């Protein structure tokens, strides 16, 4: 579910991708629904997706980005732990503005990249800060004290009053099966059986730029 930001940068160097680019994959026309509602709708539309073959990490979300250390799987898929690739894919489909790559503060396959990106863009909200997560945020779990690694990320769909954690959609989830897209309710720890990775905070997306007048 997580990759080391430092390792990825060392292996790959700096690969810059602009905010308005989708790294070679065309962005579909945006629907007229509100931005954050689009994020949730797109994330939920993927529920039930699982890797092919089963018990592998071969998935379409990593293949969409087609950069990084991921290996090819055939059938147009690529293999990599993909919770972050999924969250980035959902944001991109909804029109969120960010760079995917391995430059400083880019979003990439490392879960901690969402923290680094949000901290650089003023949209990071630590757990316990009083911030109430909004649909479309990305919840980050198990962030280490240096911010260089994290265990998992998930798309926030709802935050019930009084809950310990948000309702989410997990890419590369492990609760109902190996490496699937699944929901999590009141998810205050990462969707990783046997691992204690508490909620660390939230990265809020940057909406599409307004059309020029």
C-alpha atoms as a PDB file:
ATOM      1  CA  UNK A   1       0.000   0.000   0.000  1.00  0.00           C
ATOM      2  CA  UNK A   2       2.869   2.390   0.529  1.00  0.00           C
ATOM      3  CA  UNK A   3       6.189   3.152  -1.104  1.00  0.00           C
ATOM      4  CA  UNK A   4       9.087   5.210   0.193  1.00  0.00           C
ATOM      5  CA  UNK A   5       9.218   8.697  -1.289  1.00  0.00           C
ATOM      6  CA  UNK A   6      12.973   8.808  -0.791  1.00  0.00           C
ATOM      7  CA  UNK A   7      13.507   5.446  -2.501  1.00  0.00           C
ATOM      8  CA  UNK A   8      11.334   6.410  -5.435  1.00  0.00           C
ATOM      9  CA  UNK A   9      13.221   9.646  -5.963  1.00  0.00           C
ATOM     10  CA  UNK A  10      16.607   7.944  -5.733  1.00  0.00           C
ATOM     11  CA  UNK A  11      15.601   5.269  -8.230  1.00  0.00           C
ATOM     12  CA  UNK A  12      13.841   7.489 -10.706  1.00  0.00           C
ATOM     13  CA  UNK A  13      15.305  10.963 -10.349  1.00  0.00           C
ATOM     14  CA  UNK A  14      13.075  13.937 -10.929  1.00  0.00           C
ATOM     15  CA  UNK A  15      10.183  13.454 -13.345  1.00  0.00           C
ATOM     16  CA  UNK A  16       8.110  16.631 -13.476  1.00  0.00           C
ATOM     17  CA  UNK A  17       4.516  16.565 -14.685  1.00  0.00           C
ATOM     18  CA  UNK A  18       2.492  19.797 -14.944  1.00  0.00           C
ATOM     19  CA  UNK A  19      -0.656  20.514 -12.975  1.00  0.00           C
ATOM     20  CA  UNK A  20      -2.805  20.470 -16.087  1.00  0.00           C
ATOM     21  CA  UNK A  21      -1.339  17.258 -17.543  1.00  0.00           C
ATOM     22  CA  UNK A  22      -2.476  13.693 -17.015  1.00  0.00           C
ATOM     23  CA  UNK A  23       0.917  12.170 -17.843  1.00  0.00           C
ATOM     24  CA  UNK A  24      -0.063  11.129 -21.329  1.00  0.00           C
ATOM     25  CA  UNK A  25      -3.580   9.928 -20.483  1.00  0.00           C
ATOM     26  CA  UNK A  26      -6.348  12.195 -21.705  1.00  0.00           C
ATOM     27  CA  UNK A  27      -8.644  13.697 -19.098  1.00  0.00           C
ATOM     28  CA  UNK A  28     -12.309  13.056 -19.976  1.00  0.00           C
ATOM     29  CA  UNK A  29     -14.740  15.974 -20.229  1.00  0.00           C
ATOM     30  CA  UNK A  30     -15.779  17.060 -16.746  1.00  0.00           C
ATOM     31  CA  UNK A  31     -19.430  16.588 -15.748  1.00  0.00           C
ATOM     32  CA  UNK A  32     -21.359  19.543 -14.381  1.00  0.00           C
ATOM     33  CA  UNK A  33     -21.679  18.092 -10.866  1.00  0.00           C
ATOM     34  CA  UNK A  34     -19.859  19.925  -8.054  1.00  0.00           C
ATOM     35  CA  UNK A  35     -16.160  19.172  -7.802  1.00  0.00           C
ATOM     36  CA  UNK A  36     -16.113  17.266  -4.518  1.00  0.00           C
ATOM     37  CA  UNK A  37     -19.243  15.317  -5.437  1.00  0.00           C
ATOM     38  CA  UNK A  38     -17.470  14.251  -8.619  1.00  0.00           C
ATOM     39  CA  UNK A  39     -14.572  12.873  -6.596  1.00  0.00           C
ATOM     40  CA  UNK A  40     -16.869  10.761  -4.431  1.00  0.00           C
ATOM     41  CA  UNK A  41     -18.958   9.550  -7.380  1.00  0.00           C
ATOM     42  CA  UNK A  42     -15.864   8.522  -9.326  1.00  0.00           C
ATOM     43  CA  UNK A  43     -14.318   6.745  -6.331  1.00  0.00           C
ATOM     44  CA  UNK A  44     -17.521   4.862  -5.568  1.00  0.00           C
ATOM     45  CA  UNK A  45     -17.924   3.871  -9.224  1.00  0.00           C
ATOM     46  CA  UNK A  46     -14.791   1.740  -8.830  1.00  0.00           C
ATOM     47  CA  UNK A  47     -16.030  -0.323  -5.865  1.00  0.00           C
ATOM     48  CA  UNK A  48     -15.424  -4.011  -6.429  1.00  0.00           C
ATOM     49  CA  UNK A  49     -12.481  -3.541  -8.781  1.00  0.00           C
ATOM     50  CA  UNK A  50      -9.734  -6.040  -8.048  1.00  0.00           C
ATOM     51  CA  UNK A  51      -6.331  -6.791  -9.445  1.00  0.00           C
ATOM     52  CA  UNK A  52      -5.828  -9.233 -12.312  1.00  0.00           C
ATOM     53  CA  UNK A  53      -4.615 -11.835 -11.654  1.00  0.00           C
ATOM     54  CA  UNK A  54      -5.861 -12.115  -8.097  1.00  0.00           C
ATOM     55  CA  UNK A  55      -3.175 -11.951  -5.413  1.00  0.00           C
ATOM     56  CA  UNK A  56      -1.066  -9.707  -7.612  1.00  0.00           C
ATOM     57  CA  UNK A  57      -0.751  -5.920  -7.709  1.00  0.00           C
ATOM     58  CA  UNK A  58      -1.478  -5.702 -11.452  1.00  0.00           C
ATOM     59  CA  UNK A  59      -3.943  -2.819 -11.781  1.00  0.00           C
ATOM     60  CA  UNK A  60      -5.254  -0.204 -14.180  1.00  0.00           C
ATOM     61  CA  UNK A  61      -4.640   2.852 -11.981  1.00  0.00           C
ATOM     62  CA  UNK A  62      -0.869   2.457 -11.952  1.00  0.00           C
ATOM     63  CA  UNK A  63      -1.023   1.752 -15.688  1.00  0.00           C
ATOM     64  CA  UNK A  64      -2.817   5.087 -16.190  1.00  0.00           C
ATOM     65  CA  UNK A  65       0.181   6.953 -14.818  1.00  0.00           C
ATOM     66  CA  UNK A  66       2.744   4.623 -16.458  1.00  0.00           C
ATOM     67  CA  UNK A  67       5.739   6.037 -14.608  1.00  0.00           C
ATOM     68  CA  UNK A  68       7.723   4.862 -11.635  1.00  0.00           C
ATOM     69  CA  UNK A  69       9.104   1.500 -10.616  1.00  0.00           C
ATOM     70  CA  UNK A  70       5.956  -0.434 -11.583  1.00  0.00           C
ATOM     71  CA  UNK A  71       6.479  -3.533 -13.693  1.00  0.00           C
ATOM     72  CA  UNK A  72       4.317  -4.518 -16.644  1.00  0.00           C
ATOM     73  CA  UNK A  73       1.730  -7.276 -16.289  1.00  0.00           C
ATOM     74  CA  UNK A  74       0.283  -7.639 -19.767  1.00  0.00           C
ATOM     75  CA  UNK A  75      -3.307  -6.709 -20.667  1.00  0.00           C
ATOM     76  CA  UNK A  76      -2.347  -3.055 -20.271  1.00  0.00           C
ATOM     77  CA  UNK A  77      -1.875  -3.347 -16.493  1.00  0.00           C
ATOM     78  CA  UNK A  78       1.100  -2.507 -14.291  1.00  0.00           C
ATOM     79  CA  UNK A  79       2.100  -3.872 -10.904  1.00  0.00           C
ATOM     80  CA  UNK A  80       2.636  -1.669  -7.863  1.00  0.00           C
ATOM     81  CA  UNK A  81       1.000  -1.204  -4.471  1.00  0.00           C
ATOM     82  CA  UNK A  82      -1.647   1.203  -5.644  1.00  0.00           C
ATOM     83  CA  UNK A  83      -3.659   2.967  -2.941  1.00  0.00           C
ATOM     84  CA  UNK A  84      -1.963   6.256  -3.834  1.00  0.00           C
ATOM     85  CA  UNK A  85      -2.195   5.670  -7.588  1.00  0.00           C
ATOM     86  CA  UNK A  86      -5.927   5.049  -7.122  1.00  0.00           C
ATOM     87  CA  UNK A  87      -6.484   8.224  -5.113  1.00  0.00           C
ATOM     88  CA  UNK A  88      -4.492  10.242  -7.650  1.00  0.00           C
ATOM     89  CA  UNK A  89      -6.484   8.676 -10.510  1.00  0.00           C
ATOM     90  CA  UNK A  90      -9.769   9.638  -8.847  1.00  0.00           C
ATOM     91  CA  UNK A  91      -8.621  13.209  -8.276  1.00  0.00           C
ATOM     92  CA  UNK A  92      -7.419  13.495 -11.862  1.00  0.00           C
ATOM     93  CA  UNK A  93     -10.682  12.152 -13.305  1.00  0.00           C
ATOM     94  CA  UNK A  94     -12.560  14.746 -11.250  1.00  0.00           C
ATOM     95  CA  UNK A  95     -10.332  17.549 -12.547  1.00  0.00           C
ATOM     96  CA  UNK A  96      -8.204  18.204  -9.453  1.00  0.00           C
ATOM     97  CA  UNK A  97      -5.033  20.156 -10.141  1.00  0.00           C
ATOM     98  CA  UNK A  98      -1.767  18.544  -9.084  1.00  0.00           C
ATOM     99  CA  UNK A  99       1.452  17.219 -10.548  1.00  0.00           C
ATOM    100  CA  UNK A 100       2.018  13.471 -10.689  1.00  0.00           C
ATOM    101  CA  UNK A 101       5.704  12.607 -10.854  1.00  0.00           C
ATOM    102  CA  UNK A 102       8.824  12.326  -8.738  1.00  0.00           C
ATOM    103  CA  UNK A 103       9.808  15.935  -8.383  1.00  0.00           C
ATOM    104  CA  UNK A 104       9.684  17.700  -5.038  1.00  0.00           C
ATOM    105  CA  UNK A 105       6.138  17.700  -3.588  1.00  0.00           C
ATOM    106  CA  UNK A 106       4.595  15.819  -6.532  1.00  0.00           C
ATOM    107  CA  UNK A 107       1.893  13.231  -5.961  1.00  0.00           C
ATOM    108  CA  UNK A 108       3.049   9.727  -6.862  1.00  0.00           C
ATOM    109  CA  UNK A 109       2.758   6.067  -5.848  1.00  0.00           C
ATOM    110  CA  UNK A 110       4.084   6.780  -2.340  1.00  0.00           C
ATOM    111  CA  UNK A 111       1.326   7.316   0.208  1.00  0.00           C
ATOM    112  CA  UNK A 112       3.342  10.066   1.916  1.00  0.00           C
ATOM    113  CA  UNK A 113       3.369  12.030  -1.343  1.00  0.00           C
ATOM    114  CA  UNK A 114      -0.162  13.246  -0.610  1.00  0.00           C
ATOM    115  CA  UNK A 115       1.090  14.727   2.663  1.00  0.00           C
ATOM    116  CA  UNK A 116       4.122  16.318   1.000  1.00  0.00           C
ATOM    117  CA  UNK A 117       2.001  17.742  -1.829  1.00  0.00           C
ATOM    118  CA  UNK A 118      -0.673  19.103   0.528  1.00  0.00           C
ATOM    119  CA  UNK A 119       1.894  20.601   2.920  1.00  0.00           C
ATOM    120  CA  UNK A 120       3.535  22.381  -0.013  1.00  0.00           C
ATOM    121  CA  UNK A 121       0.204  23.722  -1.282  1.00  0.00           C
ATOM    122  CA  UNK A 122      -1.358  24.727   2.052  1.00  0.00           C
ATOM    123  CA  UNK A 123      -4.046  22.049   2.041  1.00  0.00           C
ATOM    124  CA  UNK A 124      -2.733  19.706   4.767  1.00  0.00           C
ATOM    125  CA  UNK A 125      -4.893  19.244   7.883  1.00  0.00           C
ATOM    126  CA  UNK A 126      -3.355  17.166  10.694  1.00  0.00           C
ATOM    127  CA  UNK A 127      -5.579  14.804  12.654  1.00  0.00           C
ATOM    128  CA  UNK A 128      -6.545  16.441  15.921  1.00  0.00           C
ATOM    129  CA  UNK A 129      -6.360  19.957  14.497  1.00  0.00           C
ATOM    130  CA  UNK A 130     -10.128  20.393  14.625  1.00  0.00           C
ATOM    131  CA  UNK A 131     -10.490  20.198  10.862  1.00  0.00           C
ATOM    132  CA  UNK A 132     -13.641  18.362   9.763  1.00  0.00           C
ATOM    133  CA  UNK A 133     -12.812  16.327   6.644  1.00  0.00           C
ATOM    134  CA  UNK A 134     -14.837  17.000   3.536  1.00  0.00           C
ATOM    135  CA  UNK A 135     -15.871  14.564   0.826  1.00  0.00           C
ATOM    136  CA  UNK A 136     -13.092  14.298  -1.727  1.00  0.00           C
ATOM    137  CA  UNK A 137     -10.246  14.793   0.743  1.00  0.00           C
ATOM    138  CA  UNK A 138      -7.563  12.123   0.872  1.00  0.00           C
ATOM    139  CA  UNK A 139      -7.062  10.600   4.327  1.00  0.00           C
ATOM    140  CA  UNK A 140      -3.430   9.719   5.076  1.00  0.00           C
ATOM    141  CA  UNK A 141      -2.615   6.926   7.538  1.00  0.00           C
ATOM    142  CA  UNK A 142       0.542   5.983   9.408  1.00  0.00           C
ATOM    143  CA  UNK A 143       2.605   9.029   8.455  1.00  0.00           C
ATOM    144  CA  UNK A 144       6.018   8.800  10.074  1.00  0.00           C
ATOM    145  CA  UNK A 145       7.392  11.771  12.049  1.00  0.00           C
ATOM    146  CA  UNK A 146       9.635  12.882   9.194  1.00  0.00           C
ATOM    147  CA  UNK A 147       6.811  12.826   6.647  1.00  0.00           C
ATOM    148  CA  UNK A 148       8.909  10.629   4.373  1.00  0.00           C
ATOM    149  CA  UNK A 149       6.685   7.553   4.487  1.00  0.00           C
ATOM    150  CA  UNK A 150       3.077   6.617   5.197  1.00  0.00           C
ATOM    151  CA  UNK A 151       1.134   3.368   5.281  1.00  0.00           C
ATOM    152  CA  UNK A 152      -2.016   4.104   3.279  1.00  0.00           C
ATOM    153  CA  UNK A 153      -4.323   6.701   1.729  1.00  0.00           C
ATOM    154  CA  UNK A 154      -8.054   6.638   0.985  1.00  0.00           C
ATOM    155  CA  UNK A 155     -10.706   8.923  -0.527  1.00  0.00           C
ATOM    156  CA  UNK A 156     -13.028  10.488   2.072  1.00  0.00           C
ATOM    157  CA  UNK A 157     -16.740  10.118   1.292  1.00  0.00           C
ATOM    158  CA  UNK A 158     -18.326  11.249   4.581  1.00  0.00           C
ATOM    159  CA  UNK A 159     -17.479  12.141   8.168  1.00  0.00           C
ATOM    160  CA  UNK A 160     -20.210  11.330  10.649  1.00  0.00           C
ATOM    161  CA  UNK A 161     -20.473  13.625  13.690  1.00  0.00           C
ATOM    162  CA  UNK A 162     -18.752  12.021  16.653  1.00  0.00           C
ATOM    163  CA  UNK A 163     -16.930   9.389  14.611  1.00  0.00           C
ATOM    164  CA  UNK A 164     -13.275   8.593  15.204  1.00  0.00           C
ATOM    165  CA  UNK A 165     -12.511   8.475  11.493  1.00  0.00           C
ATOM    166  CA  UNK A 166     -14.124   9.168   8.125  1.00  0.00           C
ATOM    167  CA  UNK A 167     -16.026   6.918   5.779  1.00  0.00           C
ATOM    168  CA  UNK A 168     -13.747   6.259   2.822  1.00  0.00           C
ATOM    169  CA  UNK A 169     -13.165   4.390  -0.400  1.00  0.00           C
ATOM    170  CA  UNK A 170      -9.935   2.401  -0.231  1.00  0.00           C
ATOM    171  CA  UNK A 171      -7.939   1.590  -3.311  1.00  0.00           C
ATOM    172  CA  UNK A 172      -5.727  -1.472  -2.771  1.00  0.00           C
ATOM    173  CA  UNK A 173      -7.847  -2.376   0.234  1.00  0.00           C
ATOM    174  CA  UNK A 174      -7.252  -5.605   2.133  1.00  0.00           C
ATOM    175  CA  UNK A 175     -10.230  -6.018   4.462  1.00  0.00           C
ATOM    176  CA  UNK A 176     -12.610  -7.912   2.139  1.00  0.00           C
ATOM    177  CA  UNK A 177     -10.003  -9.414  -0.171  1.00  0.00           C
ATOM    178  CA  UNK A 178      -6.528  -8.909  -1.537  1.00  0.00           C
ATOM    179  CA  UNK A 179      -5.905  -5.631  -3.355  1.00  0.00           C
ATOM    180  CA  UNK A 180      -9.463  -4.457  -4.083  1.00  0.00           C
ATOM    181  CA  UNK A 181     -11.439  -1.207  -4.105  1.00  0.00           C
ATOM    182  CA  UNK A 182     -13.684  -1.278  -1.047  1.00  0.00           C
ATOM    183  CA  UNK A 183     -15.407   0.988   1.437  1.00  0.00           C
ATOM    184  CA  UNK A 184     -14.352   1.689   5.002  1.00  0.00           C
ATOM    185  CA  UNK A 185     -16.663   3.047   7.701  1.00  0.00           C
ATOM    186  CA  UNK A 186     -15.344   5.176  10.572  1.00  0.00           C
ATOM    187  CA  UNK A 187     -11.860   4.295   9.345  1.00  0.00           C
ATOM    188  CA  UNK A 188      -9.481   5.688  11.934  1.00  0.00           C
ATOM    189  CA  UNK A 189      -6.709   3.196  11.165  1.00  0.00           C
ATOM    190  CA  UNK A 190      -5.432   1.995   7.801  1.00  0.00           C
ATOM    191  CA  UNK A 191      -7.196  -0.786   5.936  1.00  0.00           C
ATOM    192  CA  UNK A 192      -4.264  -3.150   6.511  1.00  0.00           C
ATOM    193  CA  UNK A 193      -4.964  -6.230   8.665  1.00  0.00           C
ATOM    194  CA  UNK A 194      -2.436  -6.711  11.417  1.00  0.00           C
ATOM    195  CA  UNK A 195      -0.962  -3.236  11.043  1.00  0.00           C
ATOM    196  CA  UNK A 196      -1.628  -0.288  13.339  1.00  0.00           C
ATOM    197  CA  UNK A 197      -1.422   2.806  11.152  1.00  0.00           C
ATOM    198  CA  UNK A 198      -3.603   5.542  12.685  1.00  0.00           C
ATOM    199  CA  UNK A 199      -5.157   8.433  10.811  1.00  0.00           C
ATOM    200  CA  UNK A 200      -2.549  11.164  10.405  1.00  0.00           C
ATOM    201  CA  UNK A 201      -4.480  13.871   8.574  1.00  0.00           C
ATOM    202  CA  UNK A 202      -6.089  14.983   5.354  1.00  0.00           C
ATOM    203  CA  UNK A 203      -4.958  16.358   2.012  1.00  0.00           C
ATOM    204  CA  UNK A 204      -7.574  18.582   0.401  1.00  0.00           C
ATOM    205  CA  UNK A 205      -7.728  18.776  -3.416  1.00  0.00           C
ATOM    206  CA  UNK A 206      -7.334  21.909  -5.504  1.00  0.00           C
ATOM    207  CA  UNK A 207     -10.332  22.312  -7.821  1.00  0.00           C
ATOM    208  CA  UNK A 208     -10.104  22.933 -11.550  1.00  0.00           C
ATOM    209  CA  UNK A 209      -9.239  26.433 -12.627  1.00  0.00           C
ATOM    210  CA  UNK A 210     -12.206  28.607 -13.598  1.00  0.00           C
ATOM    211  CA  UNK A 211     -12.618  29.013 -17.376  1.00  0.00           C
ATOM    212  CA  UNK A 212     -11.133  32.191 -18.762  1.00  0.00           C
ATOM    213  CA  UNK A 213     -13.685  34.962 -19.232  1.00  0.00           C
END
